[in-house]
């Protein structure tokens, strides 16, 4: 399974998971079967509010899941339509959240849990 983790900085698996999908500067994409990972820049970083294109943000990479602290409703719907599951991250690193996901301890996002807008520094306004 390929999993995308939005991050502010590229520290590999030690990168803290970012609080909002659309305004994350980077993504760490992990292949949970092999342990391989890559870092990519968000190619949709400067979108208008509410106009996030999550598949464009991932620079055309195909993923099976996203693990993030927060996400807007429009982006969540677009990921769902593409067959990508979205899970609610806990505060911590990519590795922390990968372990929790693999043990079935991260819940999937529902529409009632999406962000209402952007707060300071691009983080979600919950």
PDB file of N, CA and C in Angstrom:
ATOM      1  N   UNK A   1       0.843  -1.174   0.000  1.00  0.00           N
ATOM      2  CA  UNK A   1       0.000   0.000   0.000  1.00  0.00           C
ATOM      3  C   UNK A   1       0.890   1.240   0.000  1.00  0.00           C
ATOM      4  N   UNK A   2       0.556   2.221  -0.826  1.00  0.00           N
ATOM      5  CA  UNK A   2       1.272   3.493  -0.851  1.00  0.00           C
ATOM      6  C   UNK A   2       0.460   4.527  -0.081  1.00  0.00           C
ATOM      7  N   UNK A   3       1.142   5.191   0.859  1.00  0.00           N
ATOM      8  CA  UNK A   3       0.482   6.106   1.774  1.00  0.00           C
ATOM      9  C   UNK A   3       1.189   7.456   1.725  1.00  0.00           C
ATOM     10  N   UNK A   4       0.432   8.549   1.551  1.00  0.00           N
ATOM     11  CA  UNK A   4       0.980   9.897   1.531  1.00  0.00           C
ATOM     12  C   UNK A   4       0.763  10.562   2.887  1.00  0.00           C
ATOM     13  N   UNK A   5       1.826  11.174   3.393  1.00  0.00           N
ATOM     14  CA  UNK A   5       1.800  11.906   4.657  1.00  0.00           C
ATOM     15  C   UNK A   5       2.206  13.354   4.375  1.00  0.00           C
ATOM     16  N   UNK A   6       1.308  14.323   4.515  1.00  0.00           N
ATOM     17  CA  UNK A   6       1.702  15.719   4.348  1.00  0.00           C
ATOM     18  C   UNK A   6       2.664  16.133   5.466  1.00  0.00           C
ATOM     19  N   UNK A   7       3.718  16.861   5.100  1.00  0.00           N
ATOM     20  CA  UNK A   7       4.713  17.310   6.075  1.00  0.00           C
ATOM     21  C   UNK A   7       5.121  18.746   5.771  1.00  0.00           C
ATOM     22  N   UNK A   8       5.648  19.413   6.784  1.00  0.00           N
ATOM     23  CA  UNK A   8       6.170  20.771   6.583  1.00  0.00           C
ATOM     24  C   UNK A   8       7.617  20.718   6.127  1.00  0.00           C
ATOM     25  N   UNK A   9       8.369  19.771   6.657  1.00  0.00           N
ATOM     26  CA  UNK A   9       9.780  19.632   6.314  1.00  0.00           C
ATOM     27  C   UNK A   9      10.047  18.190   5.897  1.00  0.00           C
ATOM     28  N   UNK A  10      11.153  17.999   5.176  1.00  0.00           N
ATOM     29  CA  UNK A  10      11.538  16.658   4.748  1.00  0.00           C
ATOM     30  C   UNK A  10      12.602  16.121   5.694  1.00  0.00           C
ATOM     31  N   UNK A  11      12.164  15.303   6.631  1.00  0.00           N
ATOM     32  CA  UNK A  11      13.069  14.612   7.540  1.00  0.00           C
ATOM     33  C   UNK A  11      12.841  13.107   7.418  1.00  0.00           C
ATOM     34  N   UNK A  12      12.397  12.687   6.222  1.00  0.00           N
ATOM     35  CA  UNK A  12      12.106  11.279   6.001  1.00  0.00           C
ATOM     36  C   UNK A  12      11.016  10.795   6.928  1.00  0.00           C
ATOM     37  N   UNK A  13      11.163   9.603   7.452  1.00  0.00           N
ATOM     38  CA  UNK A  13      10.148   9.013   8.329  1.00  0.00           C
ATOM     39  C   UNK A  13      10.058   9.724   9.675  1.00  0.00           C
ATOM     40  N   UNK A  14      11.047  10.573   9.988  1.00  0.00           N
ATOM     41  CA  UNK A  14      11.019  11.355  11.222  1.00  0.00           C
ATOM     42  C   UNK A  14      10.313  12.693  11.053  1.00  0.00           C
ATOM     43  N   UNK A  15       9.772  12.958   9.865  1.00  0.00           N
ATOM     44  CA  UNK A  15       9.051  14.212   9.619  1.00  0.00           C
ATOM     45  C   UNK A  15       7.763  14.252  10.421  1.00  0.00           C
ATOM     46  N   UNK A  16       7.488  15.366  11.103  1.00  0.00           N
ATOM     47  CA  UNK A  16       6.187  15.503  11.756  1.00  0.00           C
ATOM     48  C   UNK A  16       5.083  15.589  10.695  1.00  0.00           C
ATOM     49  N   UNK A  17       3.956  14.921  10.930  1.00  0.00           N
ATOM     50  CA  UNK A  17       2.829  14.997  10.005  1.00  0.00           C
ATOM     51  C   UNK A  17       2.193  16.381  10.149  1.00  0.00           C
ATOM     52  N   UNK A  18       1.935  17.017   9.017  1.00  0.00           N
ATOM     53  CA  UNK A  18       1.403  18.385   8.983  1.00  0.00           C
ATOM     54  C   UNK A  18      -0.083  18.387   9.307  1.00  0.00           C
ATOM     55  N   UNK A  19      -0.559  19.515   9.789  1.00  0.00           N
ATOM     56  CA  UNK A  19      -1.940  19.627  10.244  1.00  0.00           C
ATOM     57  C   UNK A  19      -2.982  19.865   9.167  1.00  0.00           C
ATOM     58  N   UNK A  20      -2.592  20.145   7.930  1.00  0.00           N
ATOM     59  CA  UNK A  20      -3.586  20.401   6.887  1.00  0.00           C
ATOM     60  C   UNK A  20      -3.055  19.942   5.534  1.00  0.00           C
ATOM     61  N   UNK A  21      -3.833  19.157   4.820  1.00  0.00           N
ATOM     62  CA  UNK A  21      -3.402  18.575   3.557  1.00  0.00           C
ATOM     63  C   UNK A  21      -2.999  19.643   2.538  1.00  0.00           C
ATOM     64  N   UNK A  22      -3.903  20.547   2.207  1.00  0.00           N
ATOM     65  CA  UNK A  22      -3.701  21.471   1.093  1.00  0.00           C
ATOM     66  C   UNK A  22      -2.560  22.444   1.251  1.00  0.00           C
ATOM     67  N   UNK A  23      -2.218  22.811   2.483  1.00  0.00           N
ATOM     68  CA  UNK A  23      -1.152  23.789   2.688  1.00  0.00           C
ATOM     69  C   UNK A  23       0.159  23.157   3.143  1.00  0.00           C
ATOM     70  N   UNK A  24       0.258  21.841   3.078  1.00  0.00           N
ATOM     71  CA  UNK A  24       1.508  21.160   3.430  1.00  0.00           C
ATOM     72  C   UNK A  24       2.532  21.388   2.318  1.00  0.00           C
ATOM     73  N   UNK A  25       3.729  21.856   2.645  1.00  0.00           N
ATOM     74  CA  UNK A  25       4.737  22.078   1.608  1.00  0.00           C
ATOM     75  C   UNK A  25       5.264  20.793   0.963  1.00  0.00           C
ATOM     76  N   UNK A  26       5.241  19.686   1.711  1.00  0.00           N
ATOM     77  CA  UNK A  26       5.823  18.434   1.226  1.00  0.00           C
ATOM     78  C   UNK A  26       4.908  17.253   1.530  1.00  0.00           C
ATOM     79  N   UNK A  27       5.217  16.147   0.875  1.00  0.00           N
ATOM     80  CA  UNK A  27       4.580  14.866   1.174  1.00  0.00           C
ATOM     81  C   UNK A  27       5.663  13.798   1.247  1.00  0.00           C
ATOM     82  N   UNK A  28       5.560  12.933   2.231  1.00  0.00           N
ATOM     83  CA  UNK A  28       6.375  11.733   2.286  1.00  0.00           C
ATOM     84  C   UNK A  28       5.452  10.601   1.851  1.00  0.00           C
ATOM     85  N   UNK A  29       5.829   9.890   0.795  1.00  0.00           N
ATOM     86  CA  UNK A  29       5.025   8.772   0.302  1.00  0.00           C
ATOM     87  C   UNK A  29       5.755   7.490   0.658  1.00  0.00           C
ATOM     88  N   UNK A  30       5.082   6.652   1.427  1.00  0.00           N
ATOM     89  CA  UNK A  30       5.681   5.418   1.942  1.00  0.00           C
ATOM     90  C   UNK A  30       5.006   4.218   1.296  1.00  0.00           C
ATOM     91  N   UNK A  31       5.809   3.272   0.848  1.00  0.00           N
ATOM     92  CA  UNK A  31       5.296   1.982   0.404  1.00  0.00           C
ATOM     93  C   UNK A  31       5.348   1.065   1.622  1.00  0.00           C
ATOM     94  N   UNK A  32       4.191   0.779   2.209  1.00  0.00           N
ATOM     95  CA  UNK A  32       4.161   0.006   3.458  1.00  0.00           C
ATOM     96  C   UNK A  32       4.579  -1.452   3.250  1.00  0.00           C
ATOM     97  N   UNK A  33       4.580  -1.924   2.010  1.00  0.00           N
ATOM     98  CA  UNK A  33       4.998  -3.304   1.742  1.00  0.00           C
ATOM     99  C   UNK A  33       6.518  -3.448   1.740  1.00  0.00           C
ATOM    100  N   UNK A  34       7.201  -2.426   1.205  1.00  0.00           N
ATOM    101  CA  UNK A  34       8.652  -2.516   1.071  1.00  0.00           C
ATOM    102  C   UNK A  34       9.417  -1.642   2.065  1.00  0.00           C
ATOM    103  N   UNK A  35       8.738  -0.640   2.632  1.00  0.00           N
ATOM    104  CA  UNK A  35       9.404   0.304   3.528  1.00  0.00           C
ATOM    105  C   UNK A  35      10.074   1.453   2.799  1.00  0.00           C
ATOM    106  N   UNK A  36      10.079   1.416   1.465  1.00  0.00           N
ATOM    107  CA  UNK A  36      10.672   2.507   0.685  1.00  0.00           C
ATOM    108  C   UNK A  36       9.815   3.762   0.816  1.00  0.00           C
ATOM    109  N   UNK A  37      10.463   4.922   0.728  1.00  0.00           N
ATOM    110  CA  UNK A  37       9.720   6.181   0.780  1.00  0.00           C
ATOM    111  C   UNK A  37      10.404   7.223  -0.081  1.00  0.00           C
ATOM    112  N   UNK A  38       9.630   8.222  -0.472  1.00  0.00           N
ATOM    113  CA  UNK A  38      10.158   9.350  -1.228  1.00  0.00           C
ATOM    114  C   UNK A  38       9.505  10.621  -0.713  1.00  0.00           C
ATOM    115  N   UNK A  39      10.189  11.730  -0.918  1.00  0.00           N
ATOM    116  CA  UNK A  39       9.656  13.038  -0.553  1.00  0.00           C
ATOM    117  C   UNK A  39       9.395  13.817  -1.831  1.00  0.00           C
ATOM    118  N   UNK A  40       8.232  14.460  -1.893  1.00  0.00           N
ATOM    119  CA  UNK A  40       7.896  15.294  -3.046  1.00  0.00           C
ATOM    120  C   UNK A  40       7.341  16.618  -2.538  1.00  0.00           C
ATOM    121  N   UNK A  41       7.460  17.643  -3.355  1.00  0.00           N
ATOM    122  CA  UNK A  41       6.866  18.933  -3.035  1.00  0.00           C
ATOM    123  C   UNK A  41       5.395  18.959  -3.412  1.00  0.00           C
ATOM    124  N   UNK A  42       4.626  19.788  -2.735  1.00  0.00           N
ATOM    125  CA  UNK A  42       3.208  19.963  -3.028  1.00  0.00           C
ATOM    126  C   UNK A  42       3.093  20.813  -4.286  1.00  0.00           C
ATOM    127  N   UNK A  43       2.652  20.222  -5.390  1.00  0.00           N
ATOM    128  CA  UNK A  43       2.573  20.947  -6.658  1.00  0.00           C
ATOM    129  C   UNK A  43       1.251  21.697  -6.823  1.00  0.00           C
ATOM    130  N   UNK A  44       0.438  21.758  -5.776  1.00  0.00           N
ATOM    131  CA  UNK A  44      -0.803  22.550  -5.771  1.00  0.00           C
ATOM    132  C   UNK A  44      -0.851  23.440  -4.525  1.00  0.00           C
ATOM    133  N   UNK A  45       0.317  23.819  -4.034  1.00  0.00           N
ATOM    134  CA  UNK A  45       0.417  24.535  -2.761  1.00  0.00           C
ATOM    135  C   UNK A  45      -0.298  25.876  -2.776  1.00  0.00           C
ATOM    136  N   UNK A  46      -0.277  26.583  -3.881  1.00  0.00           N
ATOM    137  CA  UNK A  46      -0.816  27.946  -3.914  1.00  0.00           C
ATOM    138  C   UNK A  46      -2.201  28.010  -4.552  1.00  0.00           C
ATOM    139  N   UNK A  47      -3.051  27.059  -4.203  1.00  0.00           N
ATOM    140  CA  UNK A  47      -4.415  27.042  -4.722  1.00  0.00           C
ATOM    141  C   UNK A  47      -5.282  28.046  -3.955  1.00  0.00           C
ATOM    142  N   UNK A  48      -6.385  28.449  -4.562  1.00  0.00           N
ATOM    143  CA  UNK A  48      -7.345  29.320  -3.878  1.00  0.00           C
ATOM    144  C   UNK A  48      -8.047  28.516  -2.788  1.00  0.00           C
ATOM    145  N   UNK A  49      -8.425  29.201  -1.710  1.00  0.00           N
ATOM    146  CA  UNK A  49      -9.106  28.530  -0.605  1.00  0.00           C
ATOM    147  C   UNK A  49     -10.311  27.759  -1.132  1.00  0.00           C
ATOM    148  N   UNK A  50     -10.403  26.489  -0.740  1.00  0.00           N
ATOM    149  CA  UNK A  50     -11.514  25.638  -1.158  1.00  0.00           C
ATOM    150  C   UNK A  50     -11.338  25.008  -2.521  1.00  0.00           C
ATOM    151  N   UNK A  51     -10.213  25.267  -3.176  1.00  0.00           N
ATOM    152  CA  UNK A  51      -9.989  24.757  -4.529  1.00  0.00           C
ATOM    153  C   UNK A  51      -8.839  23.757  -4.608  1.00  0.00           C
ATOM    154  N   UNK A  52      -8.524  23.103  -3.515  1.00  0.00           N
ATOM    155  CA  UNK A  52      -7.430  22.127  -3.483  1.00  0.00           C
ATOM    156  C   UNK A  52      -7.689  20.994  -4.478  1.00  0.00           C
ATOM    157  N   UNK A  53      -6.666  20.646  -5.213  1.00  0.00           N
ATOM    158  CA  UNK A  53      -6.698  19.504  -6.129  1.00  0.00           C
ATOM    159  C   UNK A  53      -5.718  18.470  -5.579  1.00  0.00           C
ATOM    160  N   UNK A  54      -6.192  17.567  -4.718  1.00  0.00           N
ATOM    161  CA  UNK A  54      -5.268  16.671  -4.014  1.00  0.00           C
ATOM    162  C   UNK A  54      -4.428  15.785  -4.918  1.00  0.00           C
ATOM    163  N   UNK A  55      -4.957  15.341  -6.043  1.00  0.00           N
ATOM    164  CA  UNK A  55      -4.155  14.492  -6.923  1.00  0.00           C
ATOM    165  C   UNK A  55      -3.058  15.307  -7.611  1.00  0.00           C
ATOM    166  N   UNK A  56      -3.348  16.562  -7.905  1.00  0.00           N
ATOM    167  CA  UNK A  56      -2.319  17.449  -8.460  1.00  0.00           C
ATOM    168  C   UNK A  56      -1.269  17.751  -7.387  1.00  0.00           C
ATOM    169  N   UNK A  57      -1.707  17.936  -6.143  1.00  0.00           N
ATOM    170  CA  UNK A  57      -0.763  18.211  -5.048  1.00  0.00           C
ATOM    171  C   UNK A  57       0.261  17.093  -4.914  1.00  0.00           C
ATOM    172  N   UNK A  58      -0.170  15.872  -5.196  1.00  0.00           N
ATOM    173  CA  UNK A  58       0.714  14.703  -5.095  1.00  0.00           C
ATOM    174  C   UNK A  58       1.539  14.484  -6.359  1.00  0.00           C
ATOM    175  N   UNK A  59       1.529  15.468  -7.246  1.00  0.00           N
ATOM    176  CA  UNK A  59       2.349  15.450  -8.460  1.00  0.00           C
ATOM    177  C   UNK A  59       2.123  14.197  -9.301  1.00  0.00           C
ATOM    178  N   UNK A  60       0.860  13.768  -9.348  1.00  0.00           N
ATOM    179  CA  UNK A  60       0.513  12.627 -10.185  1.00  0.00           C
ATOM    180  C   UNK A  60       0.840  11.271  -9.595  1.00  0.00           C
ATOM    181  N   UNK A  61       1.373  11.229  -8.377  1.00  0.00           N
ATOM    182  CA  UNK A  61       1.676   9.944  -7.735  1.00  0.00           C
ATOM    183  C   UNK A  61       0.370   9.251  -7.378  1.00  0.00           C
ATOM    184  N   UNK A  62       0.335   7.957  -7.542  1.00  0.00           N
ATOM    185  CA  UNK A  62      -0.828   7.159  -7.162  1.00  0.00           C
ATOM    186  C   UNK A  62      -0.616   6.652  -5.742  1.00  0.00           C
ATOM    187  N   UNK A  63      -1.576   6.933  -4.877  1.00  0.00           N
ATOM    188  CA  UNK A  63      -1.510   6.450  -3.502  1.00  0.00           C
ATOM    189  C   UNK A  63      -2.823   5.757  -3.161  1.00  0.00           C
ATOM    190  N   UNK A  64      -2.764   4.895  -2.166  1.00  0.00           N
ATOM    191  CA  UNK A  64      -3.948   4.187  -1.691  1.00  0.00           C
ATOM    192  C   UNK A  64      -4.585   4.882  -0.496  1.00  0.00           C
ATOM    193  N   UNK A  65      -3.771   5.669   0.224  1.00  0.00           N
ATOM    194  CA  UNK A  65      -4.256   6.319   1.436  1.00  0.00           C
ATOM    195  C   UNK A  65      -3.472   7.596   1.704  1.00  0.00           C
ATOM    196  N   UNK A  66      -4.107   8.479   2.469  1.00  0.00           N
ATOM    197  CA  UNK A  66      -3.494   9.708   2.969  1.00  0.00           C
ATOM    198  C   UNK A  66      -3.695   9.705   4.475  1.00  0.00           C
ATOM    199  N   UNK A  67      -2.665  10.110   5.215  1.00  0.00           N
ATOM    200  CA  UNK A  67      -2.758  10.246   6.670  1.00  0.00           C
ATOM    201  C   UNK A  67      -2.402  11.692   6.989  1.00  0.00           C
ATOM    202  N   UNK A  68      -3.356  12.447   7.563  1.00  0.00           N
ATOM    203  CA  UNK A  68      -3.172  13.883   7.771  1.00  0.00           C
ATOM    204  C   UNK A  68      -3.940  14.345   9.002  1.00  0.00           C
ATOM    205  N   UNK A  69      -3.488  15.451   9.582  1.00  0.00           N
ATOM    206  CA  UNK A  69      -4.160  16.008  10.745  1.00  0.00           C
ATOM    207  C   UNK A  69      -5.481  16.669  10.418  1.00  0.00           C
ATOM    208  N   UNK A  70      -5.610  17.251   9.242  1.00  0.00           N
ATOM    209  CA  UNK A  70      -6.843  17.925   8.841  1.00  0.00           C
ATOM    210  C   UNK A  70      -6.920  18.054   7.329  1.00  0.00           C
ATOM    211  N   UNK A  71      -8.152  18.159   6.841  1.00  0.00           N
ATOM    212  CA  UNK A  71      -8.378  18.250   5.397  1.00  0.00           C
ATOM    213  C   UNK A  71      -9.731  18.914   5.157  1.00  0.00           C
ATOM    214  N   UNK A  72      -9.825  19.668   4.089  1.00  0.00           N
ATOM    215  CA  UNK A  72     -11.083  20.298   3.719  1.00  0.00           C
ATOM    216  C   UNK A  72     -12.044  19.305   3.084  1.00  0.00           C
ATOM    217  N   UNK A  73     -13.314  19.649   3.112  1.00  0.00           N
ATOM    218  CA  UNK A  73     -14.344  18.767   2.576  1.00  0.00           C
ATOM    219  C   UNK A  73     -14.202  18.494   1.091  1.00  0.00           C
ATOM    220  N   UNK A  74     -13.853  19.522   0.318  1.00  0.00           N
ATOM    221  CA  UNK A  74     -13.691  19.331  -1.121  1.00  0.00           C
ATOM    222  C   UNK A  74     -12.559  18.380  -1.450  1.00  0.00           C
ATOM    223  N   UNK A  75     -11.436  18.543  -0.772  1.00  0.00           N
ATOM    224  CA  UNK A  75     -10.293  17.651  -1.006  1.00  0.00           C
ATOM    225  C   UNK A  75     -10.628  16.227  -0.584  1.00  0.00           C
ATOM    226  N   UNK A  76     -11.326  16.083   0.536  1.00  0.00           N
ATOM    227  CA  UNK A  76     -11.710  14.745   0.988  1.00  0.00           C
ATOM    228  C   UNK A  76     -12.609  14.065  -0.039  1.00  0.00           C
ATOM    229  N   UNK A  77     -13.582  14.784  -0.580  1.00  0.00           N
ATOM    230  CA  UNK A  77     -14.476  14.205  -1.590  1.00  0.00           C
ATOM    231  C   UNK A  77     -13.701  13.783  -2.835  1.00  0.00           C
ATOM    232  N   UNK A  78     -12.748  14.610  -3.259  1.00  0.00           N
ATOM    233  CA  UNK A  78     -11.965  14.282  -4.460  1.00  0.00           C
ATOM    234  C   UNK A  78     -11.107  13.040  -4.235  1.00  0.00           C
ATOM    235  N   UNK A  79     -10.532  12.920  -3.049  1.00  0.00           N
ATOM    236  CA  UNK A  79      -9.753  11.719  -2.749  1.00  0.00           C
ATOM    237  C   UNK A  79     -10.656  10.490  -2.705  1.00  0.00           C
ATOM    238  N   UNK A  80     -11.820  10.617  -2.082  1.00  0.00           N
ATOM    239  CA  UNK A  80     -12.757   9.489  -2.022  1.00  0.00           C
ATOM    240  C   UNK A  80     -13.165   9.042  -3.417  1.00  0.00           C
ATOM    241  N   UNK A  81     -13.460  10.008  -4.314  1.00  0.00           N
ATOM    242  CA  UNK A  81     -13.845   9.667  -5.687  1.00  0.00           C
ATOM    243  C   UNK A  81     -12.731   8.932  -6.417  1.00  0.00           C
ATOM    244  N   UNK A  82     -11.476   9.219  -6.046  1.00  0.00           N
ATOM    245  CA  UNK A  82     -10.330   8.562  -6.676  1.00  0.00           C
ATOM    246  C   UNK A  82      -9.992   7.232  -6.000  1.00  0.00           C
ATOM    247  N   UNK A  83     -10.775   6.855  -4.989  1.00  0.00           N
ATOM    248  CA  UNK A  83     -10.543   5.585  -4.306  1.00  0.00           C
ATOM    249  C   UNK A  83      -9.444   5.631  -3.255  1.00  0.00           C
ATOM    250  N   UNK A  84      -9.095   6.843  -2.815  1.00  0.00           N
ATOM    251  CA  UNK A  84      -8.043   7.025  -1.810  1.00  0.00           C
ATOM    252  C   UNK A  84      -8.697   7.185  -0.442  1.00  0.00           C
ATOM    253  N   UNK A  85      -8.310   6.343   0.504  1.00  0.00           N
ATOM    254  CA  UNK A  85      -8.815   6.452   1.871  1.00  0.00           C
ATOM    255  C   UNK A  85      -8.014   7.515   2.611  1.00  0.00           C
ATOM    256  N   UNK A  86      -8.682   8.249   3.484  1.00  0.00           N
ATOM    257  CA  UNK A  86      -8.036   9.315   4.238  1.00  0.00           C
ATOM    258  C   UNK A  86      -8.197   9.044   5.724  1.00  0.00           C
ATOM    259  N   UNK A  87      -7.070   9.022   6.430  1.00  0.00           N
ATOM    260  CA  UNK A  87      -7.059   8.706   7.856  1.00  0.00           C
ATOM    261  C   UNK A  87      -6.615   9.905   8.674  1.00  0.00           C
ATOM    262  N   UNK A  88      -7.163  10.013   9.877  1.00  0.00           N
ATOM    263  CA  UNK A  88      -6.873  11.114  10.789  1.00  0.00           C
ATOM    264  C   UNK A  88      -5.596  10.826  11.566  1.00  0.00           C
ATOM    265  N   UNK A  89      -4.557  11.630  11.315  1.00  0.00           N
ATOM    266  CA  UNK A  89      -3.263  11.462  11.991  1.00  0.00           C
ATOM    267  C   UNK A  89      -3.345  11.936  13.435  1.00  0.00           C
ATOM    268  N   UNK A  90      -2.449  11.422  14.237  1.00  0.00           N
ATOM    269  CA  UNK A  90      -2.229  11.944  15.581  1.00  0.00           C
ATOM    270  C   UNK A  90      -0.962  12.790  15.524  1.00  0.00           C
ATOM    271  N   UNK A  91      -0.751  13.624  16.523  1.00  0.00           N
ATOM    272  CA  UNK A  91       0.468  14.410  16.567  1.00  0.00           C
ATOM    273  C   UNK A  91       1.653  13.454  16.667  1.00  0.00           C
ATOM    274  N   UNK A  92       2.613  13.656  15.804  1.00  0.00           N
ATOM    275  CA  UNK A  92       3.780  12.780  15.788  1.00  0.00           C
ATOM    276  C   UNK A  92       4.378  12.706  14.405  1.00  0.00           C
ATOM    277  N   UNK A  93       5.256  11.767  14.213  1.00  0.00           N
ATOM    278  CA  UNK A  93       6.002  11.635  12.968  1.00  0.00           C
ATOM    279  C   UNK A  93       5.281  10.731  11.965  1.00  0.00           C
ATOM    280  N   UNK A  94       5.829  10.716  10.765  1.00  0.00           N
ATOM    281  CA  UNK A  94       5.346   9.792   9.745  1.00  0.00           C
ATOM    282  C   UNK A  94       5.445   8.363  10.276  1.00  0.00           C
ATOM    283  N   UNK A  95       6.587   8.006  10.859  1.00  0.00           N
ATOM    284  CA  UNK A  95       6.780   6.644  11.379  1.00  0.00           C
ATOM    285  C   UNK A  95       5.768   6.315  12.473  1.00  0.00           C
ATOM    286  N   UNK A  96       5.514   7.258  13.388  1.00  0.00           N
ATOM    287  CA  UNK A  96       4.524   7.036  14.449  1.00  0.00           C
ATOM    288  C   UNK A  96       3.157   6.716  13.850  1.00  0.00           C
ATOM    289  N   UNK A  97       2.752   7.545  12.879  1.00  0.00           N
ATOM    290  CA  UNK A  97       1.433   7.378  12.277  1.00  0.00           C
ATOM    291  C   UNK A  97       1.358   6.164  11.371  1.00  0.00           C
ATOM    292  N   UNK A  98       2.454   5.821  10.705  1.00  0.00           N
ATOM    293  CA  UNK A  98       2.490   4.607   9.893  1.00  0.00           C
ATOM    294  C   UNK A  98       2.260   3.388  10.780  1.00  0.00           C
ATOM    295  N   UNK A  99       2.928   3.337  11.916  1.00  0.00           N
ATOM    296  CA  UNK A  99       2.758   2.209  12.847  1.00  0.00           C
ATOM    297  C   UNK A  99       1.321   2.109  13.338  1.00  0.00           C
ATOM    298  N   UNK A 100       0.720   3.259  13.665  1.00  0.00           N
ATOM    299  CA  UNK A 100      -0.672   3.252  14.128  1.00  0.00           C
ATOM    300  C   UNK A 100      -1.629   2.813  13.015  1.00  0.00           C
ATOM    301  N   UNK A 101      -1.370   3.273  11.797  1.00  0.00           N
ATOM    302  CA  UNK A 101      -2.219   2.873  10.672  1.00  0.00           C
ATOM    303  C   UNK A 101      -2.123   1.368  10.446  1.00  0.00           C
ATOM    304  N   UNK A 102      -0.922   0.843  10.474  1.00  0.00           N
ATOM    305  CA  UNK A 102      -0.731  -0.587  10.233  1.00  0.00           C
ATOM    306  C   UNK A 102      -1.358  -1.446  11.325  1.00  0.00           C
ATOM    307  N   UNK A 103      -1.504  -0.904  12.516  1.00  0.00           N
ATOM    308  CA  UNK A 103      -2.142  -1.656  13.598  1.00  0.00           C
ATOM    309  C   UNK A 103      -3.641  -1.371  13.704  1.00  0.00           C
ATOM    310  N   UNK A 104      -4.177  -0.616  12.730  1.00  0.00           N
ATOM    311  CA  UNK A 104      -5.616  -0.357  12.690  1.00  0.00           C
ATOM    312  C   UNK A 104      -6.103   0.656  13.713  1.00  0.00           C
ATOM    313  N   UNK A 105      -5.221   1.535  14.189  1.00  0.00           N
ATOM    314  CA  UNK A 105      -5.588   2.464  15.252  1.00  0.00           C
ATOM    315  C   UNK A 105      -5.864   3.896  14.791  1.00  0.00           C
ATOM    316  N   UNK A 106      -5.807   4.163  13.483  1.00  0.00           N
ATOM    317  CA  UNK A 106      -6.144   5.498  12.983  1.00  0.00           C
ATOM    318  C   UNK A 106      -7.524   5.460  12.340  1.00  0.00           C
ATOM    319  N   UNK A 107      -8.420   6.359  12.752  1.00  0.00           N
ATOM    320  CA  UNK A 107      -9.758   6.371  12.156  1.00  0.00           C
ATOM    321  C   UNK A 107      -9.763   7.045  10.788  1.00  0.00           C
ATOM    322  N   UNK A 108     -10.696   6.622   9.955  1.00  0.00           N
ATOM    323  CA  UNK A 108     -10.892   7.287   8.668  1.00  0.00           C
ATOM    324  C   UNK A 108     -11.601   8.611   8.894  1.00  0.00           C
ATOM    325  N   UNK A 109     -11.276   9.599   8.027  1.00  0.00           N
ATOM    326  CA  UNK A 109     -11.958  10.886   8.074  1.00  0.00           C
ATOM    327  C   UNK A 109     -13.375  10.733   7.558  1.00  0.00           C
ATOM    328  N   UNK A 110     -14.290  11.436   8.178  1.00  0.00           N
ATOM    329  CA  UNK A 110     -15.651  11.576   7.691  1.00  0.00           C
ATOM    330  C   UNK A 110     -15.897  13.037   7.366  1.00  0.00           C
ATOM    331  N   UNK A 111     -16.912  13.336   6.590  1.00  0.00           N
ATOM    332  CA  UNK A 111     -17.188  14.723   6.200  1.00  0.00           C
ATOM    333  C   UNK A 111     -17.430  15.629   7.407  1.00  0.00           C
ATOM    334  N   UNK A 112     -17.954  15.089   8.491  1.00  0.00           N
ATOM    335  CA  UNK A 112     -18.236  15.911   9.667  1.00  0.00           C
ATOM    336  C   UNK A 112     -16.960  16.294  10.423  1.00  0.00           C
ATOM    337  N   UNK A 113     -15.818  15.745  10.027  1.00  0.00           N
ATOM    338  CA  UNK A 113     -14.546  16.031  10.695  1.00  0.00           C
ATOM    339  C   UNK A 113     -13.639  16.947   9.881  1.00  0.00           C
ATOM    340  N   UNK A 114     -14.099  17.438   8.751  1.00  0.00           N
ATOM    341  CA  UNK A 114     -13.240  18.239   7.884  1.00  0.00           C
ATOM    342  C   UNK A 114     -13.046  19.645   8.442  1.00  0.00           C
ATOM    343  N   UNK A 115     -12.063  20.339   7.877  1.00  0.00           N
ATOM    344  CA  UNK A 115     -11.684  21.675   8.343  1.00  0.00           C
ATOM    345  C   UNK A 115     -12.684  22.723   7.879  1.00  0.00           C
ATOM    346  N   UNK A 116     -12.820  23.738   8.717  1.00  0.00           N
ATOM    347  CA  UNK A 116     -13.706  24.854   8.396  1.00  0.00           C
ATOM    348  C   UNK A 116     -12.953  25.977   7.694  1.00  0.00           C
ATOM    349  N   UNK A 117     -11.649  25.894   7.609  1.00  0.00           N
ATOM    350  CA  UNK A 117     -10.839  26.930   6.978  1.00  0.00           C
ATOM    351  C   UNK A 117      -9.416  26.851   7.473  1.00  0.00           C
ATOM    352  N   UNK A 118      -8.606  27.807   7.034  1.00  0.00           N
ATOM    353  CA  UNK A 118      -7.200  27.819   7.420  1.00  0.00           C
ATOM    354  C   UNK A 118      -6.999  28.771   8.584  1.00  0.00           C
ATOM    355  N   UNK A 119      -6.242  28.320   9.567  1.00  0.00           N
ATOM    356  CA  UNK A 119      -5.856  29.158  10.691  1.00  0.00           C
ATOM    357  C   UNK A 119      -4.451  29.689  10.477  1.00  0.00           C
ATOM    358  N   UNK A 120      -3.787  30.117  11.549  1.00  0.00           N
ATOM    359  CA  UNK A 120      -2.425  30.638  11.441  1.00  0.00           C
ATOM    360  C   UNK A 120      -1.454  29.603  10.891  1.00  0.00           C
ATOM    361  N   UNK A 121      -0.502  30.055  10.091  1.00  0.00           N
ATOM    362  CA  UNK A 121       0.562  29.210   9.522  1.00  0.00           C
ATOM    363  C   UNK A 121       0.034  28.079   8.658  1.00  0.00           C
ATOM    364  N   UNK A 122      -1.156  28.193   8.082  1.00  0.00           N
ATOM    365  CA  UNK A 122      -1.690  27.181   7.190  1.00  0.00           C
ATOM    366  C   UNK A 122      -2.325  25.993   7.851  1.00  0.00           C
ATOM    367  N   UNK A 123      -2.329  25.957   9.164  1.00  0.00           N
ATOM    368  CA  UNK A 123      -2.938  24.838   9.870  1.00  0.00           C
ATOM    369  C   UNK A 123      -4.460  24.922   9.802  1.00  0.00           C
ATOM    370  N   UNK A 124      -5.113  23.828  10.056  1.00  0.00           N
ATOM    371  CA  UNK A 124      -6.572  23.792  10.005  1.00  0.00           C
ATOM    372  C   UNK A 124      -7.182  24.630  11.115  1.00  0.00           C
ATOM    373  N   UNK A 125      -8.318  25.231  10.795  1.00  0.00           N
ATOM    374  CA  UNK A 125      -9.117  25.947  11.772  1.00  0.00           C
ATOM    375  C   UNK A 125     -10.283  25.031  12.117  1.00  0.00           C
ATOM    376  N   UNK A 126     -10.147  24.273  13.207  1.00  0.00           N
ATOM    377  CA  UNK A 126     -11.154  23.273  13.584  1.00  0.00           C
ATOM    378  C   UNK A 126     -12.206  23.888  14.465  1.00  0.00           C
TER     379      UNK A 126
END
